[in-house]
Amino acid sequence: MREDELDALLEVIPDVRDGLTRTERIILYVLNETQRELKGRNVPTVMLYGRVLEYVNISEQELHLYLDRLGVKGDGQP
């Protein structure tokens, strides 16, 4: 297996400790850090997307799928 294939595989395999993929963990980390910067206010999805792109290359649609899977509600919904 080539190194780039291995890296791609590691991106989507859930970690045995908590079941999160690397991308899911990055999204949650960036969301937490941004909420701290905004003093607990809701993080606009566009802002979150821009900051997540600094770590991982995903489309906007993929971000929304990850957020849904993680149970993160957007647009101020409970």
PDB file of N, CA and C in Angstrom:
ATOM      1  N   MET A   1       0.852  -1.172   0.000  1.00  0.00           N
ATOM      2  CA  MET A   1       0.000   0.000   0.000  1.00  0.00           C
ATOM      3  C   MET A   1       0.900   1.238   0.000  1.00  0.00           C
ATOM      4  N   ARG A   2       0.597   2.177  -0.893  1.00  0.00           N
ATOM      5  CA  ARG A   2       1.376   3.414  -0.975  1.00  0.00           C
ATOM      6  C   ARG A   2       1.034   4.320   0.199  1.00  0.00           C
ATOM      7  N   GLU A   3       1.961   5.240   0.482  1.00  0.00           N
ATOM      8  CA  GLU A   3       1.778   6.138   1.630  1.00  0.00           C
ATOM      9  C   GLU A   3       0.549   7.020   1.476  1.00  0.00           C
ATOM     10  N   ASP A   4       0.278   7.534   0.267  1.00  0.00           N
ATOM     11  CA  ASP A   4      -0.896   8.384   0.070  1.00  0.00           C
ATOM     12  C   ASP A   4      -2.190   7.594   0.223  1.00  0.00           C
ATOM     13  N   GLU A   5      -2.175   6.318  -0.160  1.00  0.00           N
ATOM     14  CA  GLU A   5      -3.351   5.477   0.042  1.00  0.00           C
ATOM     15  C   GLU A   5      -3.586   5.227   1.524  1.00  0.00           C
ATOM     16  N   LEU A   6      -2.501   5.018   2.248  1.00  0.00           N
ATOM     17  CA  LEU A   6      -2.608   4.806   3.689  1.00  0.00           C
ATOM     18  C   LEU A   6      -3.138   6.056   4.387  1.00  0.00           C
ATOM     19  N   ASP A   7      -2.636   7.223   4.001  1.00  0.00           N
ATOM     20  CA  ASP A   7      -3.122   8.477   4.582  1.00  0.00           C
ATOM     21  C   ASP A   7      -4.610   8.659   4.316  1.00  0.00           C
ATOM     22  N   ALA A   8      -5.048   8.368   3.092  1.00  0.00           N
ATOM     23  CA  ALA A   8      -6.467   8.500   2.741  1.00  0.00           C
ATOM     24  C   ALA A   8      -7.314   7.536   3.564  1.00  0.00           C
ATOM     25  N   LEU A   9      -6.810   6.343   3.777  1.00  0.00           N
ATOM     26  CA  LEU A   9      -7.528   5.357   4.574  1.00  0.00           C
ATOM     27  C   LEU A   9      -7.632   5.778   6.031  1.00  0.00           C
ATOM     28  N   LEU A  10      -6.554   6.333   6.572  1.00  0.00           N
ATOM     29  CA  LEU A  10      -6.560   6.774   7.965  1.00  0.00           C
ATOM     30  C   LEU A  10      -7.514   7.937   8.196  1.00  0.00           C
ATOM     31  N   GLU A  11      -7.828   8.690   7.153  1.00  0.00           N
ATOM     32  CA  GLU A  11      -8.766   9.812   7.282  1.00  0.00           C
ATOM     33  C   GLU A  11     -10.181   9.335   7.584  1.00  0.00           C
ATOM     34  N   VAL A  12     -10.553   8.152   7.111  1.00  0.00           N
ATOM     35  CA  VAL A  12     -11.949   7.713   7.209  1.00  0.00           C
ATOM     36  C   VAL A  12     -12.182   6.588   8.209  1.00  0.00           C
ATOM     37  N   ILE A  13     -11.119   6.016   8.748  1.00  0.00           N
ATOM     38  CA  ILE A  13     -11.284   4.935   9.726  1.00  0.00           C
ATOM     39  C   ILE A  13     -11.523   5.542  11.106  1.00  0.00           C
ATOM     40  N   PRO A  14     -12.617   5.159  11.770  1.00  0.00           N
ATOM     41  CA  PRO A  14     -12.867   5.671  13.122  1.00  0.00           C
ATOM     42  C   PRO A  14     -11.810   5.190  14.110  1.00  0.00           C
ATOM     43  N   ASP A  15     -11.478   6.041  15.044  1.00  0.00           N
ATOM     44  CA  ASP A  15     -10.526   5.709  16.104  1.00  0.00           C
ATOM     45  C   ASP A  15     -11.223   4.782  17.098  1.00  0.00           C
ATOM     46  N   VAL A  16     -10.533   3.777  17.573  1.00  0.00           N
ATOM     47  CA  VAL A  16     -11.148   2.810  18.484  1.00  0.00           C
ATOM     48  C   VAL A  16     -11.488   3.412  19.839  1.00  0.00           C
ATOM     49  N   ARG A  17     -10.828   4.503  20.217  1.00  0.00           N
ATOM     50  CA  ARG A  17     -11.073   5.091  21.540  1.00  0.00           C
ATOM     51  C   ARG A  17     -12.443   5.737  21.639  1.00  0.00           C
ATOM     52  N   ASP A  18     -12.873   6.421  20.568  1.00  0.00           N
ATOM     53  CA  ASP A  18     -14.140   7.144  20.660  1.00  0.00           C
ATOM     54  C   ASP A  18     -15.014   7.035  19.414  1.00  0.00           C
ATOM     55  N   GLY A  19     -14.544   6.345  18.401  1.00  0.00           N
ATOM     56  CA  GLY A  19     -15.339   6.159  17.192  1.00  0.00           C
ATOM     57  C   GLY A  19     -15.325   7.332  16.232  1.00  0.00           C
ATOM     58  N   LEU A  20     -14.537   8.371  16.541  1.00  0.00           N
ATOM     59  CA  LEU A  20     -14.471   9.540  15.662  1.00  0.00           C
ATOM     60  C   LEU A  20     -13.378   9.363  14.622  1.00  0.00           C
ATOM     61  N   THR A  21     -13.647   9.879  13.433  1.00  0.00           N
ATOM     62  CA  THR A  21     -12.609   9.914  12.415  1.00  0.00           C
ATOM     63  C   THR A  21     -11.741  11.144  12.657  1.00  0.00           C
ATOM     64  N   ARG A  22     -10.614  11.202  11.982  1.00  0.00           N
ATOM     65  CA  ARG A  22      -9.715  12.356  12.124  1.00  0.00           C
ATOM     66  C   ARG A  22     -10.455  13.643  11.750  1.00  0.00           C
ATOM     67  N   THR A  23     -11.234  13.608  10.668  1.00  0.00           N
ATOM     68  CA  THR A  23     -11.960  14.790  10.213  1.00  0.00           C
ATOM     69  C   THR A  23     -12.991  15.230  11.241  1.00  0.00           C
ATOM     70  N   GLU A  24     -13.722  14.288  11.816  1.00  0.00           N
ATOM     71  CA  GLU A  24     -14.702  14.628  12.845  1.00  0.00           C
ATOM     72  C   GLU A  24     -14.028  15.275  14.051  1.00  0.00           C
ATOM     73  N   ARG A  25     -12.881  14.733  14.436  1.00  0.00           N
ATOM     74  CA  ARG A  25     -12.152  15.284  15.576  1.00  0.00           C
ATOM     75  C   ARG A  25     -11.688  16.709  15.279  1.00  0.00           C
ATOM     76  N   ILE A  26     -11.224  16.956  14.057  1.00  0.00           N
ATOM     77  CA  ILE A  26     -10.793  18.302  13.660  1.00  0.00           C
ATOM     78  C   ILE A  26     -11.966  19.268  13.712  1.00  0.00           C
ATOM     79  N   ILE A  27     -13.107  18.855  13.191  1.00  0.00           N
ATOM     80  CA  ILE A  27     -14.293  19.724  13.182  1.00  0.00           C
ATOM     81  C   ILE A  27     -14.685  20.097  14.608  1.00  0.00           C
ATOM     82  N   LEU A  28     -14.727  19.121  15.495  1.00  0.00           N
ATOM     83  CA  LEU A  28     -15.095  19.410  16.887  1.00  0.00           C
ATOM     84  C   LEU A  28     -14.070  20.311  17.567  1.00  0.00           C
ATOM     85  N   TYR A  29     -12.800  20.088  17.292  1.00  0.00           N
ATOM     86  CA  TYR A  29     -11.745  20.929  17.872  1.00  0.00           C
ATOM     87  C   TYR A  29     -11.889  22.374  17.395  1.00  0.00           C
ATOM     88  N   VAL A  30     -12.048  22.551  16.088  1.00  0.00           N
ATOM     89  CA  VAL A  30     -12.168  23.903  15.526  1.00  0.00           C
ATOM     90  C   VAL A  30     -13.436  24.576  16.039  1.00  0.00           C
ATOM     91  N   LEU A  31     -14.529  23.841  16.132  1.00  0.00           N
ATOM     92  CA  LEU A  31     -15.776  24.389  16.661  1.00  0.00           C
ATOM     93  C   LEU A  31     -15.587  24.855  18.099  1.00  0.00           C
ATOM     94  N   ASN A  32     -14.962  24.051  18.927  1.00  0.00           N
ATOM     95  CA  ASN A  32     -14.722  24.406  20.328  1.00  0.00           C
ATOM     96  C   ASN A  32     -13.845  25.656  20.435  1.00  0.00           C
ATOM     97  N   GLU A  33     -12.744  25.680  19.690  1.00  0.00           N
ATOM     98  CA  GLU A  33     -11.841  26.838  19.737  1.00  0.00           C
ATOM     99  C   GLU A  33     -12.540  28.114  19.266  1.00  0.00           C
ATOM    100  N   THR A  34     -13.338  28.007  18.234  1.00  0.00           N
ATOM    101  CA  THR A  34     -14.039  29.182  17.707  1.00  0.00           C
ATOM    102  C   THR A  34     -15.098  29.660  18.690  1.00  0.00           C
ATOM    103  N   GLN A  35     -15.812  28.742  19.331  1.00  0.00           N
ATOM    104  CA  GLN A  35     -16.793  29.132  20.351  1.00  0.00           C
ATOM    105  C   GLN A  35     -16.113  29.850  21.505  1.00  0.00           C
ATOM    106  N   ARG A  36     -14.949  29.394  21.885  1.00  0.00           N
ATOM    107  CA  ARG A  36     -14.199  30.073  22.958  1.00  0.00           C
ATOM    108  C   ARG A  36     -13.828  31.486  22.535  1.00  0.00           C
ATOM    109  N   GLU A  37     -13.381  31.657  21.301  1.00  0.00           N
ATOM    110  CA  GLU A  37     -13.026  32.990  20.803  1.00  0.00           C
ATOM    111  C   GLU A  37     -14.239  33.914  20.768  1.00  0.00           C
ATOM    112  N   LEU A  38     -15.399  33.340  20.445  1.00  0.00           N
ATOM    113  CA  LEU A  38     -16.630  34.133  20.361  1.00  0.00           C
ATOM    114  C   LEU A  38     -17.363  34.207  21.693  1.00  0.00           C
ATOM    115  N   LYS A  39     -16.689  33.766  22.760  1.00  0.00           N
ATOM    116  CA  LYS A  39     -17.234  33.802  24.121  1.00  0.00           C
ATOM    117  C   LYS A  39     -18.580  33.076  24.242  1.00  0.00           C
ATOM    118  N   GLY A  40     -18.631  31.862  23.648  1.00  0.00           N
ATOM    119  CA  GLY A  40     -19.809  31.009  23.789  1.00  0.00           C
ATOM    120  C   GLY A  40     -20.912  31.242  22.775  1.00  0.00           C
ATOM    121  N   ARG A  41     -20.767  32.264  21.949  1.00  0.00           N
ATOM    122  CA  ARG A  41     -21.809  32.509  20.946  1.00  0.00           C
ATOM    123  C   ARG A  41     -21.792  31.407  19.894  1.00  0.00           C
ATOM    124  N   ASN A  42     -22.905  31.322  19.171  1.00  0.00           N
ATOM    125  CA  ASN A  42     -22.987  30.348  18.082  1.00  0.00           C
ATOM    126  C   ASN A  42     -21.965  30.683  17.007  1.00  0.00           C
ATOM    127  N   VAL A  43     -21.407  29.646  16.409  1.00  0.00           N
ATOM    128  CA  VAL A  43     -20.413  29.817  15.356  1.00  0.00           C
ATOM    129  C   VAL A  43     -21.122  29.716  14.013  1.00  0.00           C
ATOM    130  N   PRO A  44     -21.033  30.753  13.185  1.00  0.00           N
ATOM    131  CA  PRO A  44     -21.635  30.655  11.849  1.00  0.00           C
ATOM    132  C   PRO A  44     -20.975  29.523  11.059  1.00  0.00           C
ATOM    133  N   THR A  45     -21.785  28.775  10.336  1.00  0.00           N
ATOM    134  CA  THR A  45     -21.277  27.635   9.583  1.00  0.00           C
ATOM    135  C   THR A  45     -20.208  28.051   8.585  1.00  0.00           C
ATOM    136  N   VAL A  46     -20.375  29.203   7.974  1.00  0.00           N
ATOM    137  CA  VAL A  46     -19.398  29.682   6.999  1.00  0.00           C
ATOM    138  C   VAL A  46     -18.046  29.905   7.675  1.00  0.00           C
ATOM    139  N   MET A  47     -18.063  30.467   8.866  1.00  0.00           N
ATOM    140  CA  MET A  47     -16.814  30.684   9.614  1.00  0.00           C
ATOM    141  C   MET A  47     -16.173  29.345   9.974  1.00  0.00           C
ATOM    142  N   LEU A  48     -16.982  28.422  10.459  1.00  0.00           N
ATOM    143  CA  LEU A  48     -16.483  27.100  10.811  1.00  0.00           C
ATOM    144  C   LEU A  48     -15.876  26.425   9.591  1.00  0.00           C
ATOM    145  N   TYR A  49     -16.575  26.492   8.467  1.00  0.00           N
ATOM    146  CA  TYR A  49     -16.086  25.861   7.243  1.00  0.00           C
ATOM    147  C   TYR A  49     -14.724  26.427   6.839  1.00  0.00           C
ATOM    148  N   GLY A  50     -14.592  27.738   6.874  1.00  0.00           N
ATOM    149  CA  GLY A  50     -13.330  28.370   6.512  1.00  0.00           C
ATOM    150  C   GLY A  50     -12.187  27.929   7.408  1.00  0.00           C
ATOM    151  N   ARG A  51     -12.471  27.804   8.677  1.00  0.00           N
ATOM    152  CA  ARG A  51     -11.419  27.403   9.618  1.00  0.00           C
ATOM    153  C   ARG A  51     -11.094  25.919   9.514  1.00  0.00           C
ATOM    154  N   VAL A  52     -12.095  25.093   9.243  1.00  0.00           N
ATOM    155  CA  VAL A  52     -11.852  23.662   9.068  1.00  0.00           C
ATOM    156  C   VAL A  52     -10.988  23.423   7.829  1.00  0.00           C
ATOM    157  N   LEU A  53     -11.183  24.238   6.797  1.00  0.00           N
ATOM    158  CA  LEU A  53     -10.396  24.088   5.566  1.00  0.00           C
ATOM    159  C   LEU A  53      -8.900  24.296   5.795  1.00  0.00           C
ATOM    160  N   GLU A  54      -8.538  24.963   6.868  1.00  0.00           N
ATOM    161  CA  GLU A  54      -7.124  25.139   7.189  1.00  0.00           C
ATOM    162  C   GLU A  54      -6.473  23.806   7.566  1.00  0.00           C
ATOM    163  N   TYR A  55      -7.288  22.827   7.970  1.00  0.00           N
ATOM    164  CA  TYR A  55      -6.774  21.534   8.429  1.00  0.00           C
ATOM    165  C   TYR A  55      -7.054  20.392   7.462  1.00  0.00           C
ATOM    166  N   VAL A  56      -8.211  20.415   6.821  1.00  0.00           N
ATOM    167  CA  VAL A  56      -8.625  19.294   5.978  1.00  0.00           C
ATOM    168  C   VAL A  56      -9.438  19.832   4.792  1.00  0.00           C
ATOM    169  N   ASN A  57      -9.265  19.223   3.637  1.00  0.00           N
ATOM    170  CA  ASN A  57      -9.948  19.660   2.426  1.00  0.00           C
ATOM    171  C   ASN A  57     -11.248  18.878   2.264  1.00  0.00           C
ATOM    172  N   ILE A  58     -12.380  19.531   2.594  1.00  0.00           N
ATOM    173  CA  ILE A  58     -13.693  18.922   2.410  1.00  0.00           C
ATOM    174  C   ILE A  58     -14.612  19.951   1.773  1.00  0.00           C
ATOM    175  N   SER A  59     -15.682  19.470   1.170  1.00  0.00           N
ATOM    176  CA  SER A  59     -16.653  20.379   0.567  1.00  0.00           C
ATOM    177  C   SER A  59     -17.625  20.867   1.638  1.00  0.00           C
ATOM    178  N   GLU A  60     -18.369  21.897   1.299  1.00  0.00           N
ATOM    179  CA  GLU A  60     -19.383  22.414   2.233  1.00  0.00           C
ATOM    180  C   GLU A  60     -20.422  21.344   2.548  1.00  0.00           C
ATOM    181  N   GLN A  61     -20.808  20.587   1.527  1.00  0.00           N
ATOM    182  CA  GLN A  61     -21.794  19.527   1.724  1.00  0.00           C
ATOM    183  C   GLN A  61     -21.259  18.465   2.678  1.00  0.00           C
ATOM    184  N   GLU A  62     -19.977  18.121   2.545  1.00  0.00           N
ATOM    185  CA  GLU A  62     -19.381  17.142   3.460  1.00  0.00           C
ATOM    186  C   GLU A  62     -19.379  17.659   4.892  1.00  0.00           C
ATOM    187  N   LEU A  63     -19.080  18.951   5.060  1.00  0.00           N
ATOM    188  CA  LEU A  63     -19.109  19.527   6.406  1.00  0.00           C
ATOM    189  C   LEU A  63     -20.490  19.382   7.018  1.00  0.00           C
ATOM    190  N   HIS A  64     -21.529  19.675   6.241  1.00  0.00           N
ATOM    191  CA  HIS A  64     -22.889  19.556   6.750  1.00  0.00           C
ATOM    192  C   HIS A  64     -23.213  18.109   7.123  1.00  0.00           C
ATOM    193  N   LEU A  65     -22.729  17.156   6.338  1.00  0.00           N
ATOM    194  CA  LEU A  65     -22.950  15.747   6.671  1.00  0.00           C
ATOM    195  C   LEU A  65     -22.258  15.380   7.977  1.00  0.00           C
ATOM    196  N   TYR A  66     -21.023  15.851   8.144  1.00  0.00           N
ATOM    197  CA  TYR A  66     -20.302  15.595   9.391  1.00  0.00           C
ATOM    198  C   TYR A  66     -21.024  16.243  10.567  1.00  0.00           C
ATOM    199  N   LEU A  67     -21.477  17.476  10.410  1.00  0.00           N
ATOM    200  CA  LEU A  67     -22.173  18.159  11.498  1.00  0.00           C
ATOM    201  C   LEU A  67     -23.449  17.428  11.882  1.00  0.00           C
ATOM    202  N   ASP A  68     -24.185  16.943  10.878  1.00  0.00           N
ATOM    203  CA  ASP A  68     -25.390  16.163  11.159  1.00  0.00           C
ATOM    204  C   ASP A  68     -25.049  14.888  11.918  1.00  0.00           C
ATOM    205  N   ARG A  69     -24.001  14.200  11.482  1.00  0.00           N
ATOM    206  CA  ARG A  69     -23.590  12.951  12.121  1.00  0.00           C
ATOM    207  C   ARG A  69     -23.143  13.189  13.558  1.00  0.00           C
ATOM    208  N   LEU A  70     -22.505  14.347  13.806  1.00  0.00           N
ATOM    209  CA  LEU A  70     -22.015  14.678  15.141  1.00  0.00           C
ATOM    210  C   LEU A  70     -23.105  15.258  16.035  1.00  0.00           C
ATOM    211  N   GLY A  71     -24.283  15.520  15.468  1.00  0.00           N
ATOM    212  CA  GLY A  71     -25.371  16.063  16.251  1.00  0.00           C
ATOM    213  C   GLY A  71     -25.263  17.564  16.487  1.00  0.00           C
ATOM    214  N   VAL A  72     -24.481  18.239  15.650  1.00  0.00           N
ATOM    215  CA  VAL A  72     -24.326  19.697  15.768  1.00  0.00           C
ATOM    216  C   VAL A  72     -25.436  20.339  14.939  1.00  0.00           C
ATOM    217  N   LYS A  73     -26.211  21.183  15.584  1.00  0.00           N
ATOM    218  CA  LYS A  73     -27.304  21.863  14.907  1.00  0.00           C
ATOM    219  C   LYS A  73     -26.841  23.218  14.409  1.00  0.00           C
ATOM    220  N   GLY A  74     -27.269  23.578  13.220  1.00  0.00           N
ATOM    221  CA  GLY A  74     -26.905  24.866  12.654  1.00  0.00           C
ATOM    222  C   GLY A  74     -28.066  25.842  12.695  1.00  0.00           C
ATOM    223  N   ASP A  75     -27.780  27.079  12.315  1.00  0.00           N
ATOM    224  CA  ASP A  75     -28.781  28.143  12.209  1.00  0.00           C
ATOM    225  C   ASP A  75     -29.527  28.392  13.499  1.00  0.00           C
ATOM    226  N   GLY A  76     -28.865  28.218  14.629  1.00  0.00           N
ATOM    227  CA  GLY A  76     -29.469  28.544  15.908  1.00  0.00           C
ATOM    228  C   GLY A  76     -30.522  27.565  16.373  1.00  0.00           C
ATOM    229  N   GLN A  77     -30.618  26.398  15.737  1.00  0.00           N
ATOM    230  CA  GLN A  77     -31.616  25.410  16.131  1.00  0.00           C
ATOM    231  C   GLN A  77     -31.136  24.652  17.364  1.00  0.00           C
ATOM    232  N   PRO A  78     -32.046  24.280  18.260  1.00  0.00           N
ATOM    233  CA  PRO A  78     -31.659  23.521  19.473  1.00  0.00           C
ATOM    234  C   PRO A  78     -31.290  22.090  19.142  1.00  0.00           C
TER     235      PRO A  78
END
